[in-house]
């Protein structure tokens, strides 16, 4: 359990406020690490789990930890920005 908490603890400061992200870099990271299991149907379903940018970001943190991707706050911000720009369109200050 502790080994899964450490990456989350390192990224928690990002969760309070979404950081500016690089959409193109986020897309590349998403396609490399996440695209094999996810498709547009995951993000386009009518009953989405995420209701705001912080919740999108929390899913990015959760799955990057699960995949042991060792993403830094910048990586999480980039993938979150890509997902939000492409699928969600939530308001995001500083994005």
Protein backbone atom coordinates (compact mmCIF):
# COMPACT_ATOMS: atom_id res chain seq x y z
CA UNK A 1 0.00 0.00 0.00
CA UNK A 2 2.81 2.42 0.86
CA UNK A 3 4.50 1.91 -2.51
CA UNK A 4 1.32 3.16 -4.21
CA UNK A 5 0.95 6.14 -1.87
CA UNK A 6 4.42 7.62 -2.45
CA UNK A 7 3.82 8.69 -6.07
CA UNK A 8 0.47 10.14 -5.04
CA UNK A 9 2.09 12.13 -2.23
CA UNK A 10 4.63 13.54 -4.67
CA UNK A 11 1.89 14.74 -7.03
CA UNK A 12 -0.66 15.92 -4.45
CA UNK A 13 0.40 19.58 -4.68
CA UNK A 14 -0.76 19.49 -8.30
CA UNK A 15 -4.26 18.37 -7.34
CA UNK A 16 -5.13 21.55 -5.48
CA UNK A 17 -4.77 23.69 -8.57
CA UNK A 18 -4.44 22.47 -12.13
CA UNK A 19 -1.18 23.61 -13.63
CA UNK A 20 -0.56 24.85 -17.12
CA UNK A 21 0.04 21.91 -19.42
CA UNK A 22 1.42 21.22 -22.87
CA UNK A 23 -1.35 19.59 -24.92
CA UNK A 24 0.89 18.07 -27.60
CA UNK A 25 3.22 16.51 -25.03
CA UNK A 26 0.22 15.29 -23.02
CA UNK A 27 -1.25 13.67 -26.13
CA UNK A 28 2.00 11.83 -26.84
CA UNK A 29 2.23 10.59 -23.25
CA UNK A 30 -1.43 9.55 -23.22
CA UNK A 31 -1.13 7.66 -26.49
CA UNK A 32 2.03 5.91 -25.31
CA UNK A 33 0.88 4.95 -21.83
CA UNK A 34 -2.92 4.98 -21.86
CA UNK A 35 -4.16 4.64 -25.43
CA UNK A 36 -3.83 0.86 -25.48
CA UNK A 37 -6.67 0.44 -22.99
CA UNK A 38 -8.61 3.67 -23.44
CA UNK A 39 -10.52 4.87 -26.43
CA UNK A 40 -12.75 7.83 -27.15
CA UNK A 41 -15.64 5.83 -25.73
CA UNK A 42 -14.12 6.06 -22.24
CA UNK A 43 -14.09 9.86 -22.29
CA UNK A 44 -17.22 10.34 -24.37
CA UNK A 45 -19.65 8.24 -22.37
CA UNK A 46 -22.73 10.08 -21.12
CA UNK A 47 -22.25 9.28 -17.41
CA UNK A 48 -18.71 10.51 -16.89
CA UNK A 49 -17.09 10.18 -13.50
CA UNK A 50 -15.21 13.48 -13.71
CA UNK A 51 -17.20 16.64 -13.12
CA UNK A 52 -14.33 19.16 -13.15
CA UNK A 53 -10.65 19.56 -14.09
CA UNK A 54 -9.46 18.49 -10.62
CA UNK A 55 -11.28 15.18 -10.95
CA UNK A 56 -9.78 14.59 -14.40
CA UNK A 57 -6.38 15.27 -12.89
CA UNK A 58 -7.03 12.90 -9.98
CA UNK A 59 -7.77 10.09 -12.48
CA UNK A 60 -4.53 10.86 -14.33
CA UNK A 61 -2.63 10.61 -11.03
CA UNK A 62 -4.44 7.40 -10.08
CA UNK A 63 -3.71 5.61 -13.35
CA UNK A 64 -0.14 6.86 -13.68
CA UNK A 65 0.48 5.47 -10.20
CA UNK A 66 -1.25 2.19 -11.07
CA UNK A 67 0.90 1.89 -14.21
CA UNK A 68 4.02 2.81 -12.23
CA UNK A 69 4.74 5.47 -14.83
CA UNK A 70 6.69 7.68 -12.36
CA UNK A 71 5.13 10.83 -13.82
CA UNK A 72 6.18 14.17 -12.41
CA UNK A 73 3.72 17.00 -11.74
CA UNK A 74 4.53 18.41 -15.19
CA UNK A 75 3.64 15.08 -16.84
CA UNK A 76 0.32 14.91 -14.98
CA UNK A 77 -0.45 18.51 -15.95
CA UNK A 78 0.30 17.82 -19.63
CA UNK A 79 -1.91 14.72 -19.83
CA UNK A 80 -4.68 16.45 -17.89
CA UNK A 81 -4.52 19.43 -20.26
CA UNK A 82 -4.69 17.12 -23.29
CA UNK A 83 -7.71 15.25 -21.92
CA UNK A 84 -9.49 18.43 -20.95
CA UNK A 85 -8.81 20.16 -24.28
CA UNK A 86 -9.80 17.08 -26.28
CA UNK A 87 -12.73 15.59 -24.38
CA UNK A 88 -13.96 17.55 -21.37
CA UNK A 89 -13.69 21.31 -21.81
CA UNK A 90 -13.91 22.13 -18.10
CA UNK A 91 -12.97 25.65 -17.04
CA UNK A 92 -9.36 25.71 -15.92
CA UNK A 93 -7.51 28.75 -14.65
CA UNK A 94 -3.90 28.76 -15.80
CA UNK A 95 -4.37 25.94 -18.29
